[in-house]
Amino acid sequence: GGARPSTEDVLRVTVESVNALTAIEVDEITRLDSASYQLPATLRYHYTLSIDSLSVAERADMEEYMRATLPDRIREEKGSEALGRLGVELQYCYFNPSGKLLLELTVAPTEYACEK
C-alpha cells in the first residue's frame, strides 16, 4: 500500500527527471531546455527554437501540427498516465534564441489521458 503520491510530488519528480537530462536536442531546430511546474496542476516544458521569429502562418501551422500530434506523443511517454489521472495540464513554451516567446501551447488532461 502506502500513500498515493500527491500531485505536487509527481510534478516535482517529473520536473527533476526532465531537468537531469536537459538540454536535449529534439530535432534540427528544437532544444528542450528545462521543465517547471505550477500548482495546482500545470507541468511546463521550456524549449528553444533556432529561429528568430514565426510568421502568423508558420505559427498557425506549427500549432495545428502540434495539436494533431502532441496527444499521441504524450500518451507514449512514461509517466503520462499518472499525470493524466491527476488532471495535470501540460504547457509547451517555445522561445527564440534570445528568449522571446514564439508559441505557447496548452494540452488539457482530457486531451491526452488514456480512456480506461
N, C-alpha and C. Protein backbone atom coordinates (compact mmCIF):
# COMPACT_ATOMS: atom_id res chain seq x y z
N GLY A 1 0.83 -1.22 0.00
CA GLY A 1 0.00 0.00 0.00
C GLY A 1 0.84 1.25 0.00
N GLY A 2 0.70 2.02 1.06
CA GLY A 2 1.40 3.30 1.12
C GLY A 2 0.54 4.40 0.54
N ALA A 3 0.81 5.61 0.93
CA ALA A 3 0.01 6.73 0.46
C ALA A 3 0.26 6.97 -1.02
N ARG A 4 -0.79 7.37 -1.71
CA ARG A 4 -0.61 7.75 -3.11
C ARG A 4 0.17 9.06 -3.15
N PRO A 5 1.09 9.15 -4.10
CA PRO A 5 1.85 10.41 -4.17
C PRO A 5 0.92 11.57 -4.52
N SER A 6 1.22 12.71 -3.95
CA SER A 6 0.40 13.89 -4.25
C SER A 6 0.74 14.39 -5.65
N THR A 7 -0.14 15.22 -6.18
CA THR A 7 0.11 15.84 -7.48
C THR A 7 1.44 16.59 -7.45
N GLU A 8 1.69 17.30 -6.35
CA GLU A 8 2.94 18.06 -6.26
C GLU A 8 4.15 17.13 -6.30
N ASP A 9 4.07 15.99 -5.61
CA ASP A 9 5.18 15.02 -5.64
C ASP A 9 5.44 14.54 -7.06
N VAL A 10 4.36 14.19 -7.76
CA VAL A 10 4.51 13.68 -9.12
C VAL A 10 5.10 14.75 -10.03
N LEU A 11 4.61 15.98 -9.90
CA LEU A 11 5.14 17.09 -10.71
C LEU A 11 6.62 17.32 -10.41
N ARG A 12 6.96 17.33 -9.13
CA ARG A 12 8.35 17.60 -8.74
C ARG A 12 9.28 16.53 -9.30
N VAL A 13 8.89 15.26 -9.15
CA VAL A 13 9.73 14.16 -9.64
C VAL A 13 9.86 14.22 -11.16
N THR A 14 8.76 14.53 -11.84
CA THR A 14 8.78 14.63 -13.30
C THR A 14 9.73 15.74 -13.75
N VAL A 15 9.61 16.91 -13.11
CA VAL A 15 10.46 18.05 -13.44
C VAL A 15 11.93 17.72 -13.17
N GLU A 16 12.20 17.09 -12.03
CA GLU A 16 13.59 16.73 -11.70
C GLU A 16 14.16 15.76 -12.72
N SER A 17 13.35 14.78 -13.15
CA SER A 17 13.88 13.80 -14.11
C SER A 17 14.12 14.44 -15.48
N VAL A 18 13.24 15.36 -15.89
CA VAL A 18 13.47 16.07 -17.16
C VAL A 18 14.73 16.93 -17.05
N ASN A 19 14.82 17.68 -15.97
CA ASN A 19 15.94 18.62 -15.83
C ASN A 19 17.29 17.92 -15.64
N ALA A 20 17.25 16.66 -15.20
CA ALA A 20 18.50 15.90 -15.10
C ALA A 20 19.06 15.56 -16.47
N LEU A 21 18.21 15.58 -17.47
CA LEU A 21 18.61 15.17 -18.83
C LEU A 21 18.84 16.35 -19.77
N THR A 22 18.34 17.51 -19.42
CA THR A 22 18.41 18.64 -20.35
C THR A 22 19.80 19.28 -20.34
N ALA A 23 20.17 19.96 -21.41
CA ALA A 23 19.34 20.27 -22.57
C ALA A 23 19.36 19.09 -23.55
N ILE A 24 18.22 18.87 -24.21
CA ILE A 24 18.10 17.77 -25.16
C ILE A 24 17.76 18.34 -26.53
N GLU A 25 18.53 17.96 -27.53
CA GLU A 25 18.20 18.34 -28.90
C GLU A 25 17.06 17.45 -29.35
N VAL A 26 15.90 18.04 -29.61
CA VAL A 26 14.72 17.27 -30.01
C VAL A 26 14.77 17.00 -31.51
N ASP A 27 15.11 18.03 -32.27
CA ASP A 27 15.31 17.89 -33.72
C ASP A 27 16.24 19.00 -34.17
N GLU A 28 16.32 19.22 -35.49
CA GLU A 28 17.32 20.18 -36.01
C GLU A 28 17.15 21.58 -35.43
N ILE A 29 15.90 21.97 -35.16
CA ILE A 29 15.70 23.35 -34.71
C ILE A 29 15.16 23.47 -33.29
N THR A 30 14.96 22.36 -32.60
CA THR A 30 14.28 22.41 -31.30
C THR A 30 15.14 21.82 -30.20
N ARG A 31 15.27 22.56 -29.10
CA ARG A 31 16.00 22.07 -27.94
C ARG A 31 15.11 22.20 -26.70
N LEU A 32 14.99 21.10 -25.96
CA LEU A 32 14.27 21.15 -24.69
C LEU A 32 15.26 21.62 -23.63
N ASP A 33 14.98 22.77 -23.02
CA ASP A 33 15.91 23.36 -22.06
C ASP A 33 15.62 22.95 -20.63
N SER A 34 14.34 22.92 -20.27
CA SER A 34 14.00 22.63 -18.89
C SER A 34 12.51 22.40 -18.75
N ALA A 35 12.14 21.95 -17.56
CA ALA A 35 10.74 21.83 -17.22
C ALA A 35 10.52 22.52 -15.89
N SER A 36 9.29 22.94 -15.64
CA SER A 36 8.94 23.53 -14.36
C SER A 36 7.48 23.17 -14.09
N TYR A 37 7.03 23.45 -12.89
CA TYR A 37 5.61 23.20 -12.63
C TYR A 37 5.02 24.33 -11.81
N GLN A 38 3.70 24.41 -11.91
CA GLN A 38 2.94 25.40 -11.15
C GLN A 38 1.78 24.65 -10.53
N LEU A 39 1.55 24.88 -9.26
CA LEU A 39 0.40 24.28 -8.62
C LEU A 39 -0.85 25.08 -9.00
N PRO A 40 -2.03 24.49 -9.05
CA PRO A 40 -2.31 23.15 -8.58
C PRO A 40 -1.81 22.02 -9.49
N ALA A 41 -1.83 22.18 -10.82
CA ALA A 41 -1.51 21.02 -11.65
C ALA A 41 -1.11 21.41 -13.07
N THR A 42 -0.02 22.15 -13.21
CA THR A 42 0.47 22.50 -14.54
C THR A 42 1.94 22.11 -14.64
N LEU A 43 2.25 21.38 -15.69
CA LEU A 43 3.63 20.99 -15.98
C LEU A 43 4.03 21.75 -17.23
N ARG A 44 5.15 22.48 -17.16
CA ARG A 44 5.55 23.36 -18.25
C ARG A 44 6.90 22.93 -18.81
N TYR A 45 6.96 22.82 -20.13
CA TYR A 45 8.22 22.49 -20.81
C TYR A 45 8.72 23.73 -21.54
N HIS A 46 10.01 24.03 -21.36
CA HIS A 46 10.60 25.22 -21.98
C HIS A 46 11.53 24.78 -23.11
N TYR A 47 11.24 25.23 -24.31
CA TYR A 47 12.03 24.87 -25.49
C TYR A 47 12.65 26.11 -26.10
N THR A 48 13.77 25.91 -26.80
CA THR A 48 14.33 26.97 -27.64
C THR A 48 14.29 26.49 -29.08
N LEU A 49 13.77 27.34 -29.96
CA LEU A 49 13.79 27.07 -31.39
C LEU A 49 14.91 27.90 -31.99
N SER A 50 15.67 27.31 -32.92
CA SER A 50 16.79 28.05 -33.51
C SER A 50 16.32 28.91 -34.67
N ILE A 51 15.23 29.61 -34.47
CA ILE A 51 14.72 30.58 -35.44
C ILE A 51 14.35 31.83 -34.66
N ASP A 52 14.46 32.98 -35.33
CA ASP A 52 14.23 34.23 -34.62
C ASP A 52 12.76 34.56 -34.46
N SER A 53 11.96 34.18 -35.47
CA SER A 53 10.55 34.55 -35.40
C SER A 53 9.73 33.57 -36.23
N LEU A 54 8.44 33.59 -35.97
CA LEU A 54 7.49 32.81 -36.74
C LEU A 54 6.50 33.78 -37.36
N SER A 55 6.20 33.61 -38.62
CA SER A 55 5.13 34.41 -39.22
C SER A 55 3.80 33.91 -38.64
N VAL A 56 2.77 34.67 -38.86
CA VAL A 56 1.44 34.27 -38.37
C VAL A 56 1.07 32.90 -38.96
N ALA A 57 1.36 32.73 -40.24
CA ALA A 57 1.04 31.46 -40.91
C ALA A 57 1.86 30.30 -40.35
N GLU A 58 3.16 30.55 -40.13
CA GLU A 58 4.03 29.50 -39.57
C GLU A 58 3.57 29.11 -38.17
N ARG A 59 3.21 30.10 -37.38
CA ARG A 59 2.75 29.82 -36.02
C ARG A 59 1.47 28.99 -36.07
N ALA A 60 0.56 29.37 -36.96
CA ALA A 60 -0.71 28.63 -37.10
C ALA A 60 -0.44 27.19 -37.54
N ASP A 61 0.47 27.02 -38.51
CA ASP A 61 0.81 25.67 -38.99
C ASP A 61 1.42 24.84 -37.89
N MET A 62 2.34 25.43 -37.14
CA MET A 62 3.03 24.71 -36.08
C MET A 62 2.03 24.31 -34.99
N GLU A 63 1.16 25.24 -34.64
CA GLU A 63 0.17 24.96 -33.61
C GLU A 63 -0.77 23.85 -34.06
N GLU A 64 -1.20 23.91 -35.31
CA GLU A 64 -2.11 22.89 -35.84
C GLU A 64 -1.43 21.52 -35.84
N TYR A 65 -0.17 21.49 -36.29
CA TYR A 65 0.58 20.24 -36.33
C TYR A 65 0.73 19.67 -34.92
N MET A 66 1.08 20.54 -33.98
CA MET A 66 1.31 20.06 -32.62
C MET A 66 0.02 19.59 -31.95
N ARG A 67 -1.07 20.30 -32.19
CA ARG A 67 -2.35 19.87 -31.62
C ARG A 67 -2.73 18.48 -32.16
N ALA A 68 -2.34 18.21 -33.41
CA ALA A 68 -2.67 16.91 -34.01
C ALA A 68 -1.77 15.80 -33.49
N THR A 69 -0.49 16.12 -33.18
CA THR A 69 0.47 15.06 -32.86
C THR A 69 0.81 14.93 -31.37
N LEU A 70 0.68 16.03 -30.62
CA LEU A 70 1.10 16.00 -29.22
C LEU A 70 0.38 14.98 -28.35
N PRO A 71 -0.95 14.89 -28.42
CA PRO A 71 -1.63 13.94 -27.52
C PRO A 71 -1.10 12.51 -27.65
N ASP A 72 -0.87 12.05 -28.88
CA ASP A 72 -0.33 10.70 -29.08
C ASP A 72 1.10 10.61 -28.55
N ARG A 73 1.90 11.63 -28.82
CA ARG A 73 3.28 11.63 -28.32
C ARG A 73 3.29 11.58 -26.80
N ILE A 74 2.42 12.35 -26.17
CA ILE A 74 2.36 12.38 -24.70
C ILE A 74 1.97 11.01 -24.17
N ARG A 75 0.96 10.39 -24.80
CA ARG A 75 0.49 9.08 -24.34
C ARG A 75 1.60 8.04 -24.35
N GLU A 76 2.55 8.19 -25.29
CA GLU A 76 3.65 7.22 -25.39
C GLU A 76 4.70 7.42 -24.30
N GLU A 77 4.70 8.58 -23.67
CA GLU A 77 5.73 8.87 -22.68
C GLU A 77 5.44 8.18 -21.36
N LYS A 78 6.52 7.66 -20.79
CA LYS A 78 6.42 7.02 -19.48
C LYS A 78 5.94 8.05 -18.45
N GLY A 79 4.97 7.65 -17.65
CA GLY A 79 4.51 8.55 -16.61
C GLY A 79 3.34 9.43 -17.00
N SER A 80 3.00 9.46 -18.30
CA SER A 80 1.92 10.34 -18.72
C SER A 80 0.57 9.88 -18.18
N GLU A 81 0.43 8.57 -17.98
CA GLU A 81 -0.83 8.06 -17.46
C GLU A 81 -1.10 8.62 -16.07
N ALA A 82 -0.05 8.63 -15.23
CA ALA A 82 -0.19 9.17 -13.87
C ALA A 82 -0.55 10.65 -13.92
N LEU A 83 0.09 11.39 -14.82
CA LEU A 83 -0.21 12.82 -14.96
C LEU A 83 -1.65 13.03 -15.38
N GLY A 84 -2.10 12.20 -16.33
CA GLY A 84 -3.48 12.30 -16.79
C GLY A 84 -4.48 12.02 -15.69
N ARG A 85 -4.19 10.99 -14.90
CA ARG A 85 -5.08 10.63 -13.79
C ARG A 85 -5.17 11.76 -12.78
N LEU A 86 -4.06 12.48 -12.60
CA LEU A 86 -4.03 13.59 -11.64
C LEU A 86 -4.61 14.88 -12.22
N GLY A 87 -4.95 14.84 -13.49
CA GLY A 87 -5.54 16.02 -14.12
C GLY A 87 -4.53 17.12 -14.39
N VAL A 88 -3.29 16.73 -14.72
CA VAL A 88 -2.24 17.71 -14.95
C VAL A 88 -2.34 18.28 -16.37
N GLU A 89 -2.29 19.60 -16.45
CA GLU A 89 -2.29 20.32 -17.72
C GLU A 89 -0.84 20.47 -18.18
N LEU A 90 -0.59 20.24 -19.45
CA LEU A 90 0.77 20.34 -19.97
C LEU A 90 0.90 21.60 -20.82
N GLN A 91 1.95 22.36 -20.56
CA GLN A 91 2.20 23.58 -21.33
C GLN A 91 3.53 23.43 -22.05
N TYR A 92 3.51 23.77 -23.33
CA TYR A 92 4.72 23.72 -24.15
C TYR A 92 5.03 25.14 -24.58
N CYS A 93 6.18 25.67 -24.11
CA CYS A 93 6.56 27.06 -24.38
C CYS A 93 7.79 27.07 -25.27
N TYR A 94 7.69 27.71 -26.41
CA TYR A 94 8.79 27.76 -27.38
C TYR A 94 9.31 29.18 -27.47
N PHE A 95 10.61 29.32 -27.24
CA PHE A 95 11.26 30.62 -27.27
C PHE A 95 12.27 30.68 -28.41
N ASN A 96 12.59 31.90 -28.86
CA ASN A 96 13.68 32.04 -29.83
C ASN A 96 14.99 32.10 -29.05
N PRO A 97 16.13 32.07 -29.75
CA PRO A 97 17.42 32.04 -29.03
C PRO A 97 17.64 33.22 -28.08
N SER A 98 16.99 34.35 -28.32
CA SER A 98 17.18 35.47 -27.39
C SER A 98 16.11 35.51 -26.31
N GLY A 99 15.29 34.45 -26.21
CA GLY A 99 14.38 34.33 -25.09
C GLY A 99 12.99 34.90 -25.29
N LYS A 100 12.65 35.27 -26.52
CA LYS A 100 11.31 35.80 -26.79
C LYS A 100 10.36 34.62 -27.02
N LEU A 101 9.19 34.67 -26.39
CA LEU A 101 8.21 33.60 -26.54
C LEU A 101 7.62 33.63 -27.95
N LEU A 102 7.73 32.50 -28.65
CA LEU A 102 7.21 32.40 -30.01
C LEU A 102 5.85 31.70 -30.04
N LEU A 103 5.72 30.70 -29.19
CA LEU A 103 4.48 29.91 -29.22
C LEU A 103 4.30 29.25 -27.86
N GLU A 104 3.07 29.27 -27.38
CA GLU A 104 2.76 28.57 -26.14
C GLU A 104 1.51 27.74 -26.40
N LEU A 105 1.62 26.48 -26.07
CA LEU A 105 0.54 25.56 -26.35
C LEU A 105 0.18 24.82 -25.06
N THR A 106 -1.08 24.74 -24.75
CA THR A 106 -1.53 24.03 -23.55
C THR A 106 -2.34 22.81 -23.96
N VAL A 107 -2.01 21.68 -23.36
CA VAL A 107 -2.75 20.45 -23.63
C VAL A 107 -3.46 20.05 -22.34
N ALA A 108 -4.78 19.99 -22.40
CA ALA A 108 -5.58 19.65 -21.23
C ALA A 108 -5.47 18.15 -20.95
N PRO A 109 -5.62 17.76 -19.69
CA PRO A 109 -5.50 16.33 -19.37
C PRO A 109 -6.49 15.47 -20.14
N THR A 110 -7.67 16.02 -20.43
CA THR A 110 -8.66 15.24 -21.18
C THR A 110 -8.19 14.94 -22.60
N GLU A 111 -7.25 15.74 -23.12
CA GLU A 111 -6.77 15.54 -24.49
C GLU A 111 -5.75 14.41 -24.59
N TYR A 112 -5.05 14.11 -23.51
CA TYR A 112 -4.02 13.06 -23.61
C TYR A 112 -4.24 11.88 -22.67
N ALA A 113 -5.12 12.04 -21.68
CA ALA A 113 -5.33 10.94 -20.74
C ALA A 113 -5.92 9.75 -21.49
N CYS A 114 -5.42 8.55 -21.16
CA CYS A 114 -5.91 7.36 -21.82
C CYS A 114 -7.30 7.04 -21.29
N GLU A 115 -8.19 6.77 -22.22
CA GLU A 115 -9.52 6.34 -21.79
C GLU A 115 -9.41 4.92 -21.28
N LYS A 116 -9.78 4.70 -20.07
CA LYS A 116 -9.69 3.34 -19.49
C LYS A 116 -11.11 2.89 -19.15
